[in-house]
PDB file of N, CA and C in Angstrom:
ATOM      1  N   MET A   1    -131.446  -6.455 197.815  1.00  0.00           N
ATOM      2  CA  MET A   1    -132.825  -6.462 198.167  1.00  0.00           C
ATOM      3  C   MET A   1    -133.743  -6.014 197.063  1.00  0.00           C
ATOM      4  N   LYS A   2    -133.347  -4.887 196.453  1.00  0.00           N
ATOM      5  CA  LYS A   2    -134.121  -4.340 195.377  1.00  0.00           C
ATOM      6  C   LYS A   2    -134.343  -5.252 194.250  1.00  0.00           C
ATOM      7  N   SER A   3    -133.130  -6.115 193.852  1.00  0.00           N
ATOM      8  CA  SER A   3    -133.242  -6.930 192.787  1.00  0.00           C
ATOM      9  C   SER A   3    -133.988  -8.104 193.132  1.00  0.00           C
ATOM     10  N   LEU A   4    -134.228  -8.549 194.371  1.00  0.00           N
ATOM     11  CA  LEU A   4    -135.055  -9.648 194.693  1.00  0.00           C
ATOM     12  C   LEU A   4    -136.522  -9.221 194.576  1.00  0.00           C
ATOM     13  N   ALA A   5    -136.803  -8.088 194.880  1.00  0.00           N
ATOM     14  CA  ALA A   5    -138.184  -7.614 194.852  1.00  0.00           C
ATOM     15  C   ALA A   5    -138.532  -7.373 193.364  1.00  0.00           C
ATOM     16  N   PHE A   6    -137.532  -6.873 192.492  1.00  0.00           N
ATOM     17  CA  PHE A   6    -137.881  -6.683 191.145  1.00  0.00           C
ATOM     18  C   PHE A   6    -138.017  -8.132 190.485  1.00  0.00           C
ATOM     19  N   ALA A   7    -137.289  -8.998 190.831  1.00  0.00           N
ATOM     20  CA  ALA A   7    -137.297 -10.355 190.155  1.00  0.00           C
ATOM     21  C   ALA A   7    -138.703 -10.934 190.590  1.00  0.00           C
ATOM     22  N   ALA A   8    -139.097 -10.754 191.825  1.00  0.00           N
ATOM     23  CA  ALA A   8    -140.410 -11.289 192.360  1.00  0.00           C
ATOM     24  C   ALA A   8    -141.569 -10.673 191.490  1.00  0.00           C
ATOM     25  N   LEU A   9    -141.516  -9.302 191.369  1.00  0.00           N
ATOM     26  CA  LEU A   9    -142.530  -8.639 190.608  1.00  0.00           C
ATOM     27  C   LEU A   9    -142.498  -9.039 189.093  1.00  0.00           C
ATOM     28  N   SER A  10    -141.325  -9.208 188.565  1.00  0.00           N
ATOM     29  CA  SER A  10    -141.144  -9.709 187.214  1.00  0.00           C
ATOM     30  C   SER A  10    -141.743 -11.044 187.062  1.00  0.00           C
ATOM     31  N   ALA A  11    -141.597 -11.975 188.128  1.00  0.00           N
ATOM     32  CA  ALA A  11    -141.998 -13.226 188.087  1.00  0.00           C
ATOM     33  C   ALA A  11    -143.522 -13.300 187.952  1.00  0.00           C
ATOM     34  N   ALA A  12    -144.111 -12.350 188.847  1.00  0.00           N
ATOM     35  CA  ALA A  12    -145.523 -12.299 188.861  1.00  0.00           C
ATOM     36  C   ALA A  12    -146.133 -11.938 187.468  1.00  0.00           C
ATOM     37  N   LEU A  13    -145.523 -10.926 186.904  1.00  0.00           N
ATOM     38  CA  LEU A  13    -146.011 -10.376 185.619  1.00  0.00           C
ATOM     39  C   LEU A  13    -145.864 -11.582 184.575  1.00  0.00           C
ATOM     40  N   VAL A  14    -144.761 -12.152 184.557  1.00  0.00           N
ATOM     41  CA  VAL A  14    -144.370 -13.097 183.490  1.00  0.00           C
ATOM     42  C   VAL A  14    -145.290 -14.338 183.740  1.00  0.00           C
ATOM     43  N   PHE A  15    -145.606 -14.674 185.032  1.00  0.00           N
ATOM     44  CA  PHE A  15    -146.412 -15.870 185.241  1.00  0.00           C
ATOM     45  C   PHE A  15    -147.917 -15.509 184.872  1.00  0.00           C
ATOM     46  N   ALA A  16    -148.409 -14.285 185.226  1.00  0.00           N
ATOM     47  CA  ALA A  16    -149.745 -13.914 184.797  1.00  0.00           C
ATOM     48  C   ALA A  16    -149.879 -13.931 183.282  1.00  0.00           C
ATOM     49  N   ALA A  17    -148.903 -13.440 182.531  1.00  0.00           N
ATOM     50  CA  ALA A  17    -148.879 -13.362 181.082  1.00  0.00           C
ATOM     51  C   ALA A  17    -148.943 -14.742 180.449  1.00  0.00           C
ATOM     52  N   THR A  18    -148.022 -15.610 181.086  1.00  0.00           N
ATOM     53  CA  THR A  18    -147.996 -16.862 180.395  1.00  0.00           C
ATOM     54  C   THR A  18    -148.978 -17.904 180.858  1.00  0.00           C
ATOM     55  N   THR A  19    -149.634 -17.616 181.924  1.00  0.00           N
ATOM     56  CA  THR A  19    -150.685 -18.635 182.485  1.00  0.00           C
ATOM     57  C   THR A  19    -151.729 -18.760 181.392  1.00  0.00           C
ATOM     58  N   ALA A  20    -152.332 -17.610 180.985  1.00  0.00           N
ATOM     59  CA  ALA A  20    -153.403 -17.706 180.004  1.00  0.00           C
ATOM     60  C   ALA A  20    -153.014 -18.093 178.795  1.00  0.00           C
ATOM     61  N   PHE A  21    -151.703 -17.843 178.339  1.00  0.00           N
ATOM     62  CA  PHE A  21    -151.185 -18.385 177.039  1.00  0.00           C
ATOM     63  C   PHE A  21    -151.035 -19.866 177.173  1.00  0.00           C
ATOM     64  N   ALA A  22    -150.432 -20.344 178.338  1.00  0.00           N
ATOM     65  CA  ALA A  22    -150.110 -21.747 178.389  1.00  0.00           C
ATOM     66  C   ALA A  22    -151.339 -22.618 178.434  1.00  0.00           C
ATOM     67  N   GLN A  23    -152.368 -22.069 178.979  1.00  0.00           N
ATOM     68  CA  GLN A  23    -153.662 -22.869 179.014  1.00  0.00           C
ATOM     69  C   GLN A  23    -154.089 -23.148 177.545  1.00  0.00           C
ATOM     70  N   SER A  24    -153.968 -22.295 176.592  1.00  0.00           N
ATOM     71  CA  SER A  24    -154.424 -22.542 175.249  1.00  0.00           C
ATOM     72  C   SER A  24    -153.250 -23.102 174.329  1.00  0.00           C
ATOM     73  N   GLN A  25    -151.994 -23.013 174.721  1.00  0.00           N
ATOM     74  CA  GLN A  25    -150.825 -23.431 173.897  1.00  0.00           C
ATOM     75  C   GLN A  25    -150.158 -24.662 174.447  1.00  0.00           C
ATOM     76  N   GLY A  26    -150.545 -25.159 175.543  1.00  0.00           N
ATOM     77  CA  GLY A  26    -149.811 -26.288 176.178  1.00  0.00           C
ATOM     78  C   GLY A  26    -148.639 -25.642 176.986  1.00  0.00           C
ATOM     79  N   SER A  27    -147.531 -26.540 177.320  1.00  0.00           N
ATOM     80  CA  SER A  27    -146.550 -26.053 178.191  1.00  0.00           C
ATOM     81  C   SER A  27    -145.709 -25.102 177.621  1.00  0.00           C
ATOM     82  N   MET A  28    -145.140 -24.172 178.378  1.00  0.00           N
ATOM     83  CA  MET A  28    -144.200 -23.139 177.862  1.00  0.00           C
ATOM     84  C   MET A  28    -142.798 -23.602 177.954  1.00  0.00           C
ATOM     85  N   ASP A  29    -141.947 -23.155 177.091  1.00  0.00           N
ATOM     86  CA  ASP A  29    -140.526 -23.215 177.156  1.00  0.00           C
ATOM     87  C   ASP A  29    -139.865 -21.925 177.133  1.00  0.00           C
ATOM     88  N   HIS A  30    -138.673 -21.834 177.334  1.00  0.00           N
ATOM     89  CA  HIS A  30    -137.882 -20.675 177.238  1.00  0.00           C
ATOM     90  C   HIS A  30    -138.060 -19.919 175.887  1.00  0.00           C
ATOM     91  N   LYS A  31    -137.865 -20.656 174.878  1.00  0.00           N
ATOM     92  CA  LYS A  31    -138.078 -19.947 173.488  1.00  0.00           C
ATOM     93  C   LYS A  31    -139.510 -19.349 173.323  1.00  0.00           C
ATOM     94  N   ASN A  32    -140.426 -20.180 173.676  1.00  0.00           N
ATOM     95  CA  ASN A  32    -141.869 -19.619 173.574  1.00  0.00           C
ATOM     96  C   ASN A  32    -142.170 -18.270 174.514  1.00  0.00           C
ATOM     97  N   MET A  33    -141.427 -18.294 175.720  1.00  0.00           N
ATOM     98  CA  MET A  33    -141.694 -17.087 176.514  1.00  0.00           C
ATOM     99  C   MET A  33    -141.050 -15.967 175.894  1.00  0.00           C
ATOM    100  N   GLN A  34    -139.881 -16.084 175.310  1.00  0.00           N
ATOM    101  CA  GLN A  34    -139.036 -14.892 174.727  1.00  0.00           C
ATOM    102  C   GLN A  34    -139.800 -14.377 173.594  1.00  0.00           C
ATOM    103  N   GLY A  35    -140.565 -15.162 172.878  1.00  0.00           N
ATOM    104  CA  GLY A  35    -141.303 -14.736 171.603  1.00  0.00           C
ATOM    105  C   GLY A  35    -142.648 -13.970 172.056  1.00  0.00           C
ATOM    106  N   MET A  36    -143.075 -13.952 173.327  1.00  0.00           N
ATOM    107  CA  MET A  36    -144.225 -13.194 173.690  1.00  0.00           C
ATOM    108  C   MET A  36    -144.071 -11.717 173.603  1.00  0.00           C
ATOM    109  N   SER A  37    -145.032 -10.966 173.250  1.00  0.00           N
ATOM    110  CA  SER A  37    -144.858  -9.466 173.142  1.00  0.00           C
ATOM    111  C   SER A  37    -144.149  -8.956 174.255  1.00  0.00           C
ATOM    112  N   GLY A  38    -143.166  -7.959 174.003  1.00  0.00           N
ATOM    113  CA  GLY A  38    -142.548  -7.227 174.968  1.00  0.00           C
ATOM    114  C   GLY A  38    -141.590  -8.118 175.848  1.00  0.00           C
ATOM    115  N   MET A  39    -141.367  -9.309 175.657  1.00  0.00           N
ATOM    116  CA  MET A  39    -140.499 -10.127 176.476  1.00  0.00           C
ATOM    117  C   MET A  39    -139.279 -10.525 175.823  1.00  0.00           C
ATOM    118  N   GLY A  40    -138.958 -10.014 174.684  1.00  0.00           N
ATOM    119  CA  GLY A  40    -137.756 -10.608 173.860  1.00  0.00           C
ATOM    120  C   GLY A  40    -136.484 -10.145 174.497  1.00  0.00           C
ATOM    121  N   ASN A  41    -136.316  -9.124 175.342  1.00  0.00           N
ATOM    122  CA  ASN A  41    -135.171  -8.776 176.031  1.00  0.00           C
ATOM    123  C   ASN A  41    -134.987  -9.134 177.506  1.00  0.00           C
ATOM    124  N   MET A  42    -135.793 -10.334 177.733  1.00  0.00           N
ATOM    125  CA  MET A  42    -135.735 -10.773 179.198  1.00  0.00           C
ATOM    126  C   MET A  42    -134.480 -11.497 179.319  1.00  0.00           C
ATOM    127  N   MET A  43    -133.869 -11.385 180.646  1.00  0.00           N
ATOM    128  CA  MET A  43    -132.615 -11.992 181.061  1.00  0.00           C
ATOM    129  C   MET A  43    -132.859 -12.881 182.268  1.00  0.00           C
ATOM    130  N   GLY A  44    -132.097 -13.856 182.417  1.00  0.00           N
ATOM    131  CA  GLY A  44    -132.152 -14.695 183.571  1.00  0.00           C
ATOM    132  C   GLY A  44    -133.360 -15.660 183.640  1.00  0.00           C
ATOM    133  N   MET A  45    -134.050 -15.846 182.484  1.00  0.00           N
ATOM    134  CA  MET A  45    -135.278 -16.538 182.478  1.00  0.00           C
ATOM    135  C   MET A  45    -135.258 -17.907 183.045  1.00  0.00           C
ATOM    136  N   HIS A  46    -136.107 -18.345 183.978  1.00  0.00           N
ATOM    137  CA  HIS A  46    -136.051 -19.745 184.352  1.00  0.00           C
ATOM    138  C   HIS A  46    -137.375 -19.888 185.127  1.00  0.00           C
ATOM    139  N   MET A  47    -137.727 -21.144 185.309  1.00  0.00           N
ATOM    140  CA  MET A  47    -138.845 -21.540 186.046  1.00  0.00           C
ATOM    141  C   MET A  47    -138.596 -21.995 187.392  1.00  0.00           C
ATOM    142  N   MET A  48    -139.543 -21.670 188.347  1.00  0.00           N
ATOM    143  CA  MET A  48    -139.183 -21.964 189.835  1.00  0.00           C
ATOM    144  C   MET A  48    -140.554 -22.595 190.305  1.00  0.00           C
ATOM    145  N   PRO A  49    -140.505 -23.983 190.735  1.00  0.00           N
ATOM    146  CA  PRO A  49    -141.697 -24.476 191.473  1.00  0.00           C
ATOM    147  C   PRO A  49    -141.868 -23.778 192.823  1.00  0.00           C
ATOM    148  N   ALA A  50    -143.109 -23.592 193.183  1.00  0.00           N
ATOM    149  CA  ALA A  50    -143.403 -22.903 194.424  1.00  0.00           C
ATOM    150  C   ALA A  50    -144.724 -23.474 195.030  1.00  0.00           C
ATOM    151  N   THR A  51    -144.890 -23.263 196.361  1.00  0.00           N
ATOM    152  CA  THR A  51    -146.109 -23.596 196.966  1.00  0.00           C
ATOM    153  C   THR A  51    -146.735 -22.318 197.481  1.00  0.00           C
ATOM    154  N   VAL A  52    -148.043 -22.206 197.256  1.00  0.00           N
ATOM    155  CA  VAL A  52    -148.774 -21.026 197.721  1.00  0.00           C
ATOM    156  C   VAL A  52    -148.943 -21.109 199.305  1.00  0.00           C
ATOM    157  N   THR A  53    -148.555 -20.077 200.031  1.00  0.00           N
ATOM    158  CA  THR A  53    -148.861 -20.011 201.479  1.00  0.00           C
ATOM    159  C   THR A  53    -149.927 -19.124 201.929  1.00  0.00           C
ATOM    160  N   ALA A  54    -150.165 -18.085 201.226  1.00  0.00           N
ATOM    161  CA  ALA A  54    -151.241 -17.093 201.512  1.00  0.00           C
ATOM    162  C   ALA A  54    -151.588 -16.287 200.395  1.00  0.00           C
ATOM    163  N   ILE A  55    -152.917 -15.778 200.254  1.00  0.00           N
ATOM    164  CA  ILE A  55    -153.298 -15.120 199.158  1.00  0.00           C
ATOM    165  C   ILE A  55    -154.177 -13.922 199.740  1.00  0.00           C
ATOM    166  N   ASP A  56    -153.861 -12.602 199.111  1.00  0.00           N
ATOM    167  CA  ASP A  56    -154.710 -11.618 199.411  1.00  0.00           C
ATOM    168  C   ASP A  56    -155.437 -11.178 198.066  1.00  0.00           C
ATOM    169  N   SER A  57    -156.667 -11.645 197.881  1.00  0.00           N
ATOM    170  CA  SER A  57    -157.308 -11.520 196.748  1.00  0.00           C
ATOM    171  C   SER A  57    -157.816 -10.111 196.278  1.00  0.00           C
ATOM    172  N   LYS A  58    -157.722  -9.236 197.374  1.00  0.00           N
ATOM    173  CA  LYS A  58    -157.996  -7.867 197.123  1.00  0.00           C
ATOM    174  C   LYS A  58    -156.718  -7.144 196.456  1.00  0.00           C
ATOM    175  N   THR A  59    -155.606  -7.377 197.069  1.00  0.00           N
ATOM    176  CA  THR A  59    -154.392  -6.635 196.562  1.00  0.00           C
ATOM    177  C   THR A  59    -153.715  -7.395 195.369  1.00  0.00           C
ATOM    178  N   GLY A  60    -153.968  -8.712 195.339  1.00  0.00           N
ATOM    179  CA  GLY A  60    -153.256  -9.657 194.296  1.00  0.00           C
ATOM    180  C   GLY A  60    -151.890 -10.119 194.813  1.00  0.00           C
ATOM    181  N   LEU A  61    -151.619  -9.831 196.041  1.00  0.00           N
ATOM    182  CA  LEU A  61    -150.342 -10.364 196.690  1.00  0.00           C
ATOM    183  C   LEU A  61    -150.472 -11.733 197.094  1.00  0.00           C
ATOM    184  N   VAL A  62    -149.493 -12.568 196.657  1.00  0.00           N
ATOM    185  CA  VAL A  62    -149.387 -13.991 196.987  1.00  0.00           C
ATOM    186  C   VAL A  62    -148.048 -14.326 197.690  1.00  0.00           C
ATOM    187  N   ASP A  63    -148.241 -15.023 198.791  1.00  0.00           N
ATOM    188  CA  ASP A  63    -147.015 -15.468 199.430  1.00  0.00           C
ATOM    189  C   ASP A  63    -146.803 -16.987 198.945  1.00  0.00           C
ATOM    190  N   VAL A  64    -145.462 -17.206 198.640  1.00  0.00           N
ATOM    191  CA  VAL A  64    -145.207 -18.441 198.232  1.00  0.00           C
ATOM    192  C   VAL A  64    -143.842 -18.982 198.907  1.00  0.00           C
ATOM    193  N   THR A  65    -143.624 -20.196 198.880  1.00  0.00           N
ATOM    194  CA  THR A  65    -142.290 -20.729 199.355  1.00  0.00           C
ATOM    195  C   THR A  65    -141.770 -21.449 198.165  1.00  0.00           C
ATOM    196  N   ALA A  66    -140.426 -21.267 197.816  1.00  0.00           N
ATOM    197  CA  ALA A  66    -139.785 -21.871 196.689  1.00  0.00           C
ATOM    198  C   ALA A  66    -138.392 -22.207 197.169  1.00  0.00           C
ATOM    199  N   GLY A  67    -138.295 -23.580 197.231  1.00  0.00           N
ATOM    200  CA  GLY A  67    -137.234 -24.213 197.959  1.00  0.00           C
ATOM    201  C   GLY A  67    -137.168 -23.741 199.490  1.00  0.00           C
ATOM    202  N   SER A  68    -136.154 -23.163 199.954  1.00  0.00           N
ATOM    203  CA  SER A  68    -136.116 -22.640 201.293  1.00  0.00           C
ATOM    204  C   SER A  68    -136.466 -21.054 201.363  1.00  0.00           C
ATOM    205  N   MET A  69    -136.881 -20.503 200.270  1.00  0.00           N
ATOM    206  CA  MET A  69    -137.139 -19.014 200.264  1.00  0.00           C
ATOM    207  C   MET A  69    -138.596 -18.815 200.404  1.00  0.00           C
ATOM    208  N   ALA A  70    -138.979 -17.771 201.133  1.00  0.00           N
ATOM    209  CA  ALA A  70    -140.292 -17.239 201.041  1.00  0.00           C
ATOM    210  C   ALA A  70    -140.341 -15.928 200.276  1.00  0.00           C
ATOM    211  N   LEU A  71    -141.209 -15.903 199.340  1.00  0.00           N
ATOM    212  CA  LEU A  71    -141.391 -14.854 198.286  1.00  0.00           C
ATOM    213  C   LEU A  71    -142.858 -14.218 198.453  1.00  0.00           C
ATOM    214  N   LYS A  72    -142.971 -12.931 197.986  1.00  0.00           N
ATOM    215  CA  LYS A  72    -144.131 -12.259 197.847  1.00  0.00           C
ATOM    216  C   LYS A  72    -144.185 -11.952 196.509  1.00  0.00           C
ATOM    217  N   VAL A  73    -145.308 -12.200 195.580  1.00  0.00           N
ATOM    218  CA  VAL A  73    -145.335 -11.922 194.290  1.00  0.00           C
ATOM    219  C   VAL A  73    -146.808 -11.355 194.037  1.00  0.00           C
ATOM    220  N   HIS A  74    -146.898 -10.720 192.921  1.00  0.00           N
ATOM    221  CA  HIS A  74    -148.138  -9.992 192.776  1.00  0.00           C
ATOM    222  C   HIS A  74    -148.725 -10.481 191.407  1.00  0.00           C
ATOM    223  N   PHE A  75    -150.026 -10.576 191.403  1.00  0.00           N
ATOM    224  CA  PHE A  75    -150.828 -11.100 190.192  1.00  0.00           C
ATOM    225  C   PHE A  75    -152.009 -10.062 190.101  1.00  0.00           C
ATOM    226  N   PRO A  76    -152.584 -10.026 188.811  1.00  0.00           N
ATOM    227  CA  PRO A  76    -153.809  -9.336 188.771  1.00  0.00           C
ATOM    228  C   PRO A  76    -154.965  -9.960 189.761  1.00  0.00           C
ATOM    229  N   PRO A  77    -155.583  -9.174 190.645  1.00  0.00           N
ATOM    230  CA  PRO A  77    -156.475  -9.953 191.654  1.00  0.00           C
ATOM    231  C   PRO A  77    -157.485 -10.912 190.947  1.00  0.00           C
ATOM    232  N   ALA A  78    -157.983 -10.580 189.810  1.00  0.00           N
ATOM    233  CA  ALA A  78    -158.974 -11.378 189.059  1.00  0.00           C
ATOM    234  C   ALA A  78    -158.436 -12.742 188.691  1.00  0.00           C
ATOM    235  N   SER A  79    -157.106 -12.964 188.625  1.00  0.00           N
ATOM    236  CA  SER A  79    -156.386 -14.138 188.174  1.00  0.00           C
ATOM    237  C   SER A  79    -156.375 -15.114 189.360  1.00  0.00           C
ATOM    238  N   LEU A  80    -156.600 -14.770 190.622  1.00  0.00           N
ATOM    239  CA  LEU A  80    -156.499 -15.499 191.679  1.00  0.00           C
ATOM    240  C   LEU A  80    -157.769 -16.291 192.132  1.00  0.00           C
ATOM    241  N   ALA A  81    -158.785 -16.296 191.402  1.00  0.00           N
ATOM    242  CA  ALA A  81    -160.021 -16.857 191.872  1.00  0.00           C
ATOM    243  C   ALA A  81    -159.834 -18.301 192.138  1.00  0.00           C
ATOM    244  N   ALA A  82    -159.075 -19.027 191.304  1.00  0.00           N
ATOM    245  CA  ALA A  82    -159.050 -20.505 191.516  1.00  0.00           C
ATOM    246  C   ALA A  82    -157.705 -20.850 192.369  1.00  0.00           C
ATOM    247  N   LEU A  83    -157.038 -19.947 192.760  1.00  0.00           N
ATOM    248  CA  LEU A  83    -155.791 -20.234 193.614  1.00  0.00           C
ATOM    249  C   LEU A  83    -156.031 -20.271 195.033  1.00  0.00           C
ATOM    250  N   LYS A  84    -155.475 -21.178 195.709  1.00  0.00           N
ATOM    251  CA  LYS A  84    -155.667 -21.393 197.210  1.00  0.00           C
ATOM    252  C   LYS A  84    -154.453 -21.819 197.750  1.00  0.00           C
ATOM    253  N   ALA A  85    -154.279 -21.463 199.162  1.00  0.00           N
ATOM    254  CA  ALA A  85    -153.010 -21.825 199.840  1.00  0.00           C
ATOM    255  C   ALA A  85    -152.938 -23.369 199.830  1.00  0.00           C
ATOM    256  N   GLY A  86    -151.698 -23.856 199.699  1.00  0.00           N
ATOM    257  CA  GLY A  86    -151.371 -25.171 199.446  1.00  0.00           C
ATOM    258  C   GLY A  86    -151.235 -25.519 197.999  1.00  0.00           C
ATOM    259  N   ASP A  87    -151.674 -24.760 197.103  1.00  0.00           N
ATOM    260  CA  ASP A  87    -151.483 -25.153 195.556  1.00  0.00           C
ATOM    261  C   ASP A  87    -150.068 -25.117 195.318  1.00  0.00           C
ATOM    262  N   LYS A  88    -149.745 -26.007 194.538  1.00  0.00           N
ATOM    263  CA  LYS A  88    -148.373 -25.924 193.787  1.00  0.00           C
ATOM    264  C   LYS A  88    -148.439 -25.303 192.525  1.00  0.00           C
ATOM    265  N   ILE A  89    -147.449 -24.331 192.306  1.00  0.00           N
ATOM    266  CA  ILE A  89    -147.478 -23.539 191.059  1.00  0.00           C
ATOM    267  C   ILE A  89    -146.095 -23.499 190.556  1.00  0.00           C
ATOM    268  N   THR A  90    -145.920 -23.155 189.352  1.00  0.00           N
ATOM    269  CA  THR A  90    -144.621 -22.852 188.766  1.00  0.00           C
ATOM    270  C   THR A  90    -144.480 -21.281 188.407  1.00  0.00           C
ATOM    271  N   LEU A  91    -143.616 -20.555 189.052  1.00  0.00           N
ATOM    272  CA  LEU A  91    -143.298 -19.280 188.677  1.00  0.00           C
ATOM    273  C   LEU A  91    -142.335 -19.126 187.511  1.00  0.00           C
ATOM    274  N   HIS A  92    -142.777 -18.340 186.579  1.00  0.00           N
ATOM    275  CA  HIS A  92    -141.856 -18.171 185.351  1.00  0.00           C
ATOM    276  C   HIS A  92    -141.166 -16.695 185.580  1.00  0.00           C
ATOM    277  N   LEU A  93    -139.818 -16.857 185.803  1.00  0.00           N
ATOM    278  CA  LEU A  93    -138.987 -15.669 186.224  1.00  0.00           C
ATOM    279  C   LEU A  93    -138.280 -15.109 185.155  1.00  0.00           C
ATOM    280  N   GLY A  94    -138.061 -13.719 185.120  1.00  0.00           N
ATOM    281  CA  GLY A  94    -137.186 -13.124 184.134  1.00  0.00           C
ATOM    282  C   GLY A  94    -137.077 -11.709 184.575  1.00  0.00           C
ATOM    283  N   PHE A  95    -136.023 -11.010 184.087  1.00  0.00           N
ATOM    284  CA  PHE A  95    -136.012  -9.513 184.272  1.00  0.00           C
ATOM    285  C   PHE A  95    -135.442  -8.939 183.081  1.00  0.00           C
ATOM    286  N   ASN A  96    -135.395  -7.587 183.044  1.00  0.00           N
ATOM    287  CA  ASN A  96    -134.650  -6.800 182.039  1.00  0.00           C
ATOM    288  C   ASN A  96    -134.266  -5.632 182.885  1.00  0.00           C
ATOM    289  N   LYS A  97    -132.937  -5.139 182.448  1.00  0.00           N
ATOM    290  CA  LYS A  97    -132.236  -4.214 183.052  1.00  0.00           C
ATOM    291  C   LYS A  97    -132.791  -2.852 182.423  1.00  0.00           C
ATOM    292  N   GLN A  98    -133.192  -1.804 183.285  1.00  0.00           N
ATOM    293  CA  GLN A  98    -133.621  -0.464 182.791  1.00  0.00           C
ATOM    294  C   GLN A  98    -132.586   0.414 182.543  1.00  0.00           C
TER     295      GLN A  98
END
C-alpha cells in the first residue's frame, strides 16, 4: 500500500514538473523525462491515461480513475486552475528507491 501511495505522489510530482516543460517543448518521451533535473535515477517510468473525478484546489489533491483504479494524486494547488472533473489527463509515473 505504501508503494502505491509513493507511486501516486511521484506521479503527481513528475506530472507537475513535466507539464510546464511539455507545454514549451512539445510531447515528452521517456528519454526527455530522464534528462530533467533530478530525475535521472527514476525507475519504472511510464505514462498512464486518467480521468479527473474530483479536485480540491486548496490542498492540491486530485482524484482520478486510471483503467479500473481509483487514485489520489497531489499537485501544486496553483497548477490546478484550468483542471476540472471530467478532464482527460496523462499521468507521468516514476519512482526512485530511497
